[in-house]
């Protein structure tokens, strides 16, 4: 309900955009598909890259990640 209220009523009813990090548990083989926030239809999940464009050691595998 909090996400829905945010996207419909946030910023004076203009809606809010939720951007969520896709996770930092890669070292422990964590998977952010199991995280409720990144898996929400109201959330944009964003990952990162190293300075060489590689996947960082802490990055989690995640199908909900939309951008890097």
PDB file of N, CA and C in Angstrom:
ATOM      1  N   UNK A   1       0.823  -1.183   0.000  1.00  0.00           N
ATOM      2  CA  UNK A   1       0.000   0.000   0.000  1.00  0.00           C
ATOM      3  C   UNK A   1       0.874   1.256   0.000  1.00  0.00           C
ATOM      4  N   UNK A   2       1.984   1.223   0.699  1.00  0.00           N
ATOM      5  CA  UNK A   2       2.857   2.404   0.752  1.00  0.00           C
ATOM      6  C   UNK A   2       3.396   2.753  -0.631  1.00  0.00           C
ATOM      7  N   UNK A   3       3.828   1.750  -1.394  1.00  0.00           N
ATOM      8  CA  UNK A   3       4.293   2.020  -2.756  1.00  0.00           C
ATOM      9  C   UNK A   3       3.172   2.587  -3.613  1.00  0.00           C
ATOM     10  N   UNK A   4       2.020   1.975  -3.564  1.00  0.00           N
ATOM     11  CA  UNK A   4       0.891   2.438  -4.371  1.00  0.00           C
ATOM     12  C   UNK A   4       0.526   3.878  -4.020  1.00  0.00           C
ATOM     13  N   UNK A   5       0.452   4.168  -2.731  1.00  0.00           N
ATOM     14  CA  UNK A   5       0.145   5.542  -2.317  1.00  0.00           C
ATOM     15  C   UNK A   5       1.225   6.510  -2.798  1.00  0.00           C
ATOM     16  N   UNK A   6       2.467   6.081  -2.775  1.00  0.00           N
ATOM     17  CA  UNK A   6       3.558   6.942  -3.236  1.00  0.00           C
ATOM     18  C   UNK A   6       3.471   7.267  -4.713  1.00  0.00           C
ATOM     19  N   UNK A   7       3.147   6.258  -5.535  1.00  0.00           N
ATOM     20  CA  UNK A   7       3.093   6.515  -6.978  1.00  0.00           C
ATOM     21  C   UNK A   7       1.829   7.246  -7.395  1.00  0.00           C
ATOM     22  N   UNK A   8       0.799   7.172  -6.584  1.00  0.00           N
ATOM     23  CA  UNK A   8      -0.451   7.844  -6.960  1.00  0.00           C
ATOM     24  C   UNK A   8      -0.660   9.170  -6.249  1.00  0.00           C
ATOM     25  N   UNK A   9      -0.117   9.302  -5.035  1.00  0.00           N
ATOM     26  CA  UNK A   9      -0.378  10.505  -4.243  1.00  0.00           C
ATOM     27  C   UNK A   9       0.871  11.318  -3.914  1.00  0.00           C
ATOM     28  N   UNK A  10       2.052  10.742  -4.133  1.00  0.00           N
ATOM     29  CA  UNK A  10       3.296  11.430  -3.791  1.00  0.00           C
ATOM     30  C   UNK A  10       3.526  12.678  -4.627  1.00  0.00           C
ATOM     31  N   UNK A  11       4.325  13.582  -4.104  1.00  0.00           N
ATOM     32  CA  UNK A  11       4.679  14.855  -4.756  1.00  0.00           C
ATOM     33  C   UNK A  11       3.449  15.621  -5.217  1.00  0.00           C
ATOM     34  N   UNK A  12       2.485  15.756  -4.328  1.00  0.00           N
ATOM     35  CA  UNK A  12       1.282  16.525  -4.661  1.00  0.00           C
ATOM     36  C   UNK A  12       0.456  15.855  -5.747  1.00  0.00           C
ATOM     37  N   UNK A  13       0.341  14.548  -5.685  1.00  0.00           N
ATOM     38  CA  UNK A  13      -0.408  13.716  -6.640  1.00  0.00           C
ATOM     39  C   UNK A  13       0.249  13.621  -8.021  1.00  0.00           C
ATOM     40  N   UNK A  14       1.524  14.041  -8.140  1.00  0.00           N
ATOM     41  CA  UNK A  14       2.260  13.854  -9.391  1.00  0.00           C
ATOM     42  C   UNK A  14       2.858  12.453  -9.473  1.00  0.00           C
ATOM     43  N   UNK A  15       2.980  11.807  -8.330  1.00  0.00           N
ATOM     44  CA  UNK A  15       3.553  10.466  -8.263  1.00  0.00           C
ATOM     45  C   UNK A  15       5.033  10.500  -7.950  1.00  0.00           C
ATOM     46  N   UNK A  16       5.486   9.471  -7.291  1.00  0.00           N
ATOM     47  CA  UNK A  16       6.898   9.332  -6.943  1.00  0.00           C
ATOM     48  C   UNK A  16       7.509   8.207  -7.756  1.00  0.00           C
ATOM     49  N   UNK A  17       8.792   8.311  -8.037  1.00  0.00           N
ATOM     50  CA  UNK A  17       9.533   7.253  -8.709  1.00  0.00           C
ATOM     51  C   UNK A  17      10.438   6.614  -7.667  1.00  0.00           C
ATOM     52  N   UNK A  18      10.336   5.302  -7.518  1.00  0.00           N
ATOM     53  CA  UNK A  18      11.154   4.577  -6.560  1.00  0.00           C
ATOM     54  C   UNK A  18      12.297   3.893  -7.297  1.00  0.00           C
ATOM     55  N   UNK A  19      13.520   4.233  -6.948  1.00  0.00           N
ATOM     56  CA  UNK A  19      14.707   3.604  -7.520  1.00  0.00           C
ATOM     57  C   UNK A  19      15.395   2.857  -6.392  1.00  0.00           C
ATOM     58  N   UNK A  20      15.624   1.576  -6.601  1.00  0.00           N
ATOM     59  CA  UNK A  20      16.142   0.734  -5.538  1.00  0.00           C
ATOM     60  C   UNK A  20      17.401   0.028  -6.009  1.00  0.00           C
ATOM     61  N   UNK A  21      18.440   0.015  -5.204  1.00  0.00           N
ATOM     62  CA  UNK A  21      19.660  -0.721  -5.548  1.00  0.00           C
ATOM     63  C   UNK A  21      19.345  -2.209  -5.639  1.00  0.00           C
ATOM     64  N   UNK A  22      19.925  -2.871  -6.616  1.00  0.00           N
ATOM     65  CA  UNK A  22      19.585  -4.276  -6.835  1.00  0.00           C
ATOM     66  C   UNK A  22      20.262  -5.223  -5.855  1.00  0.00           C
ATOM     67  N   UNK A  23      21.060  -4.726  -4.975  1.00  0.00           N
ATOM     68  CA  UNK A  23      21.618  -5.561  -3.919  1.00  0.00           C
ATOM     69  C   UNK A  23      23.130  -5.571  -3.884  1.00  0.00           C
ATOM     70  N   UNK A  24      23.658  -5.815  -2.705  1.00  0.00           N
ATOM     71  CA  UNK A  24      25.105  -5.852  -2.489  1.00  0.00           C
ATOM     72  C   UNK A  24      25.551  -7.184  -1.903  1.00  0.00           C
ATOM     73  N   UNK A  25      24.736  -8.219  -2.035  1.00  0.00           N
ATOM     74  CA  UNK A  25      25.049  -9.506  -1.419  1.00  0.00           C
ATOM     75  C   UNK A  25      25.662 -10.524  -2.355  1.00  0.00           C
ATOM     76  N   UNK A  26      26.264 -10.076  -3.455  1.00  0.00           N
ATOM     77  CA  UNK A  26      26.838 -10.996  -4.434  1.00  0.00           C
ATOM     78  C   UNK A  26      27.915 -11.900  -3.873  1.00  0.00           C
ATOM     79  N   UNK A  27      28.688 -11.410  -2.931  1.00  0.00           N
ATOM     80  CA  UNK A  27      29.742 -12.221  -2.317  1.00  0.00           C
ATOM     81  C   UNK A  27      29.156 -13.459  -1.649  1.00  0.00           C
ATOM     82  N   UNK A  28      27.927 -13.319  -1.135  1.00  0.00           N
ATOM     83  CA  UNK A  28      27.265 -14.423  -0.443  1.00  0.00           C
ATOM     84  C   UNK A  28      26.277 -15.156  -1.344  1.00  0.00           C
ATOM     85  N   UNK A  29      26.365 -14.940  -2.669  1.00  0.00           N
ATOM     86  CA  UNK A  29      25.480 -15.566  -3.656  1.00  0.00           C
ATOM     87  C   UNK A  29      24.015 -15.224  -3.398  1.00  0.00           C
ATOM     88  N   UNK A  30      23.776 -14.041  -2.843  1.00  0.00           N
ATOM     89  CA  UNK A  30      22.405 -13.578  -2.614  1.00  0.00           C
ATOM     90  C   UNK A  30      21.768 -13.257  -3.962  1.00  0.00           C
ATOM     91  N   UNK A  31      20.453 -13.287  -4.015  1.00  0.00           N
ATOM     92  CA  UNK A  31      19.729 -13.017  -5.250  1.00  0.00           C
ATOM     93  C   UNK A  31      18.637 -12.014  -4.946  1.00  0.00           C
ATOM     94  N   UNK A  32      18.667 -10.862  -5.593  1.00  0.00           N
ATOM     95  CA  UNK A  32      17.718  -9.807  -5.239  1.00  0.00           C
ATOM     96  C   UNK A  32      16.301 -10.081  -5.744  1.00  0.00           C
ATOM     97  N   UNK A  33      16.088 -11.148  -6.519  1.00  0.00           N
ATOM     98  CA  UNK A  33      14.724 -11.515  -6.894  1.00  0.00           C
ATOM     99  C   UNK A  33      13.895 -11.880  -5.668  1.00  0.00           C
ATOM    100  N   UNK A  34      14.565 -12.212  -4.587  1.00  0.00           N
ATOM    101  CA  UNK A  34      13.865 -12.574  -3.351  1.00  0.00           C
ATOM    102  C   UNK A  34      13.594 -11.365  -2.462  1.00  0.00           C
ATOM    103  N   UNK A  35      14.093 -10.202  -2.838  1.00  0.00           N
ATOM    104  CA  UNK A  35      13.879  -8.989  -2.049  1.00  0.00           C
ATOM    105  C   UNK A  35      12.550  -8.353  -2.441  1.00  0.00           C
ATOM    106  N   UNK A  36      11.712  -8.109  -1.475  1.00  0.00           N
ATOM    107  CA  UNK A  36      10.387  -7.564  -1.752  1.00  0.00           C
ATOM    108  C   UNK A  36      10.389  -6.218  -2.445  1.00  0.00           C
ATOM    109  N   UNK A  37      11.344  -5.359  -2.119  1.00  0.00           N
ATOM    110  CA  UNK A  37      11.358  -4.025  -2.719  1.00  0.00           C
ATOM    111  C   UNK A  37      11.806  -4.058  -4.176  1.00  0.00           C
ATOM    112  N   UNK A  38      12.856  -4.793  -4.486  1.00  0.00           N
ATOM    113  CA  UNK A  38      13.331  -4.828  -5.868  1.00  0.00           C
ATOM    114  C   UNK A  38      12.385  -5.599  -6.771  1.00  0.00           C
ATOM    115  N   UNK A  39      11.597  -6.469  -6.201  1.00  0.00           N
ATOM    116  CA  UNK A  39      10.677  -7.293  -6.981  1.00  0.00           C
ATOM    117  C   UNK A  39       9.308  -6.643  -7.152  1.00  0.00           C
ATOM    118  N   UNK A  40       9.118  -5.468  -6.632  1.00  0.00           N
ATOM    119  CA  UNK A  40       7.831  -4.774  -6.719  1.00  0.00           C
ATOM    120  C   UNK A  40       7.625  -4.168  -8.102  1.00  0.00           C
ATOM    121  N   UNK A  41       6.394  -4.174  -8.594  1.00  0.00           N
ATOM    122  CA  UNK A  41       6.091  -3.547  -9.884  1.00  0.00           C
ATOM    123  C   UNK A  41       6.204  -2.035  -9.801  1.00  0.00           C
ATOM    124  N   UNK A  42       6.315  -1.500  -8.610  1.00  0.00           N
ATOM    125  CA  UNK A  42       6.412  -0.055  -8.415  1.00  0.00           C
ATOM    126  C   UNK A  42       7.854   0.420  -8.252  1.00  0.00           C
ATOM    127  N   UNK A  43       8.830  -0.464  -8.445  1.00  0.00           N
ATOM    128  CA  UNK A  43      10.229  -0.142  -8.183  1.00  0.00           C
ATOM    129  C   UNK A  43      11.092  -0.367  -9.419  1.00  0.00           C
ATOM    130  N   UNK A  44      12.033   0.542  -9.674  1.00  0.00           N
ATOM    131  CA  UNK A  44      13.051   0.354 -10.703  1.00  0.00           C
ATOM    132  C   UNK A  44      14.320  -0.105 -10.003  1.00  0.00           C
ATOM    133  N   UNK A  45      14.792  -1.276 -10.328  1.00  0.00           N
ATOM    134  CA  UNK A  45      15.978  -1.824  -9.697  1.00  0.00           C
ATOM    135  C   UNK A  45      17.201  -1.494 -10.555  1.00  0.00           C
ATOM    136  N   UNK A  46      18.212  -0.876  -9.948  1.00  0.00           N
ATOM    137  CA  UNK A  46      19.395  -0.408 -10.664  1.00  0.00           C
ATOM    138  C   UNK A  46      20.645  -1.100 -10.117  1.00  0.00           C
ATOM    139  N   UNK A  47      21.516  -1.539 -11.002  1.00  0.00           N
ATOM    140  CA  UNK A  47      22.763  -2.192 -10.618  1.00  0.00           C
ATOM    141  C   UNK A  47      23.931  -1.232 -10.852  1.00  0.00           C
ATOM    142  N   UNK A  48      25.141  -1.748 -10.798  1.00  0.00           N
ATOM    143  CA  UNK A  48      26.315  -0.903 -11.025  1.00  0.00           C
ATOM    144  C   UNK A  48      27.357  -1.672 -11.826  1.00  0.00           C
ATOM    145  N   UNK A  49      28.416  -0.985 -12.206  1.00  0.00           N
ATOM    146  CA  UNK A  49      29.531  -1.590 -12.933  1.00  0.00           C
ATOM    147  C   UNK A  49      30.830  -1.025 -12.375  1.00  0.00           C
ATOM    148  N   UNK A  50      31.909  -1.754 -12.584  1.00  0.00           N
ATOM    149  CA  UNK A  50      33.214  -1.253 -12.161  1.00  0.00           C
ATOM    150  C   UNK A  50      33.691  -0.196 -13.151  1.00  0.00           C
ATOM    151  N   UNK A  51      34.818   0.432 -12.850  1.00  0.00           N
ATOM    152  CA  UNK A  51      35.353   1.456 -13.743  1.00  0.00           C
ATOM    153  C   UNK A  51      35.750   0.881 -15.105  1.00  0.00           C
ATOM    154  N   UNK A  52      35.901  -0.451 -15.178  1.00  0.00           N
ATOM    155  CA  UNK A  52      36.229  -1.112 -16.446  1.00  0.00           C
ATOM    156  C   UNK A  52      34.995  -1.682 -17.145  1.00  0.00           C
ATOM    157  N   UNK A  53      33.821  -1.437 -16.579  1.00  0.00           N
ATOM    158  CA  UNK A  53      32.583  -1.919 -17.176  1.00  0.00           C
ATOM    159  C   UNK A  53      32.227  -3.354 -16.826  1.00  0.00           C
ATOM    160  N   UNK A  54      32.907  -3.913 -15.841  1.00  0.00           N
ATOM    161  CA  UNK A  54      32.643  -5.288 -15.421  1.00  0.00           C
ATOM    162  C   UNK A  54      31.607  -5.339 -14.303  1.00  0.00           C
ATOM    163  N   UNK A  55      31.127  -6.540 -14.033  1.00  0.00           N
ATOM    164  CA  UNK A  55      30.191  -6.748 -12.927  1.00  0.00           C
ATOM    165  C   UNK A  55      30.981  -6.712 -11.622  1.00  0.00           C
ATOM    166  N   UNK A  56      30.576  -5.899 -10.653  1.00  0.00           N
ATOM    167  CA  UNK A  56      31.300  -5.832  -9.374  1.00  0.00           C
ATOM    168  C   UNK A  56      31.150  -7.124  -8.569  1.00  0.00           C
ATOM    169  N   UNK A  57      32.086  -7.389  -7.701  1.00  0.00           N
ATOM    170  CA  UNK A  57      32.057  -8.596  -6.883  1.00  0.00           C
ATOM    171  C   UNK A  57      30.844  -8.651  -5.971  1.00  0.00           C
ATOM    172  N   UNK A  58      30.307  -7.498  -5.599  1.00  0.00           N
ATOM    173  CA  UNK A  58      29.182  -7.451  -4.664  1.00  0.00           C
ATOM    174  C   UNK A  58      27.823  -7.491  -5.358  1.00  0.00           C
ATOM    175  N   UNK A  59      27.800  -7.468  -6.691  1.00  0.00           N
ATOM    176  CA  UNK A  59      26.549  -7.416  -7.441  1.00  0.00           C
ATOM    177  C   UNK A  59      25.767  -8.721  -7.302  1.00  0.00           C
ATOM    178  N   UNK A  60      24.464  -8.604  -7.121  1.00  0.00           N
ATOM    179  CA  UNK A  60      23.597  -9.772  -7.017  1.00  0.00           C
ATOM    180  C   UNK A  60      22.965 -10.098  -8.364  1.00  0.00           C
ATOM    181  N   UNK A  61      22.819 -11.379  -8.652  1.00  0.00           N
ATOM    182  CA  UNK A  61      22.073 -11.804  -9.834  1.00  0.00           C
ATOM    183  C   UNK A  61      20.615 -11.416  -9.627  1.00  0.00           C
ATOM    184  N   UNK A  62      20.007 -10.842 -10.670  1.00  0.00           N
ATOM    185  CA  UNK A  62      18.651 -10.347 -10.452  1.00  0.00           C
ATOM    186  C   UNK A  62      17.955 -10.042 -11.776  1.00  0.00           C
ATOM    187  N   UNK A  63      16.848 -10.718 -12.036  1.00  0.00           N
ATOM    188  CA  UNK A  63      16.104 -10.451 -13.270  1.00  0.00           C
ATOM    189  C   UNK A  63      15.318  -9.153 -13.195  1.00  0.00           C
ATOM    190  N   UNK A  64      15.123  -8.613 -12.008  1.00  0.00           N
ATOM    191  CA  UNK A  64      14.367  -7.360 -11.881  1.00  0.00           C
ATOM    192  C   UNK A  64      15.224  -6.124 -12.162  1.00  0.00           C
ATOM    193  N   UNK A  65      16.539  -6.300 -12.344  1.00  0.00           N
ATOM    194  CA  UNK A  65      17.417  -5.169 -12.630  1.00  0.00           C
ATOM    195  C   UNK A  65      17.144  -4.642 -14.033  1.00  0.00           C
ATOM    196  N   UNK A  66      16.838  -3.358 -14.127  1.00  0.00           N
ATOM    197  CA  UNK A  66      16.471  -2.751 -15.397  1.00  0.00           C
ATOM    198  C   UNK A  66      17.590  -1.939 -16.030  1.00  0.00           C
ATOM    199  N   UNK A  67      18.576  -1.518 -15.249  1.00  0.00           N
ATOM    200  CA  UNK A  67      19.646  -0.680 -15.790  1.00  0.00           C
ATOM    201  C   UNK A  67      20.892  -0.810 -14.932  1.00  0.00           C
ATOM    202  N   UNK A  68      22.017  -0.435 -15.526  1.00  0.00           N
ATOM    203  CA  UNK A  68      23.296  -0.412 -14.820  1.00  0.00           C
ATOM    204  C   UNK A  68      23.892   0.963 -14.963  1.00  0.00           C
TER     205      UNK A  68
END
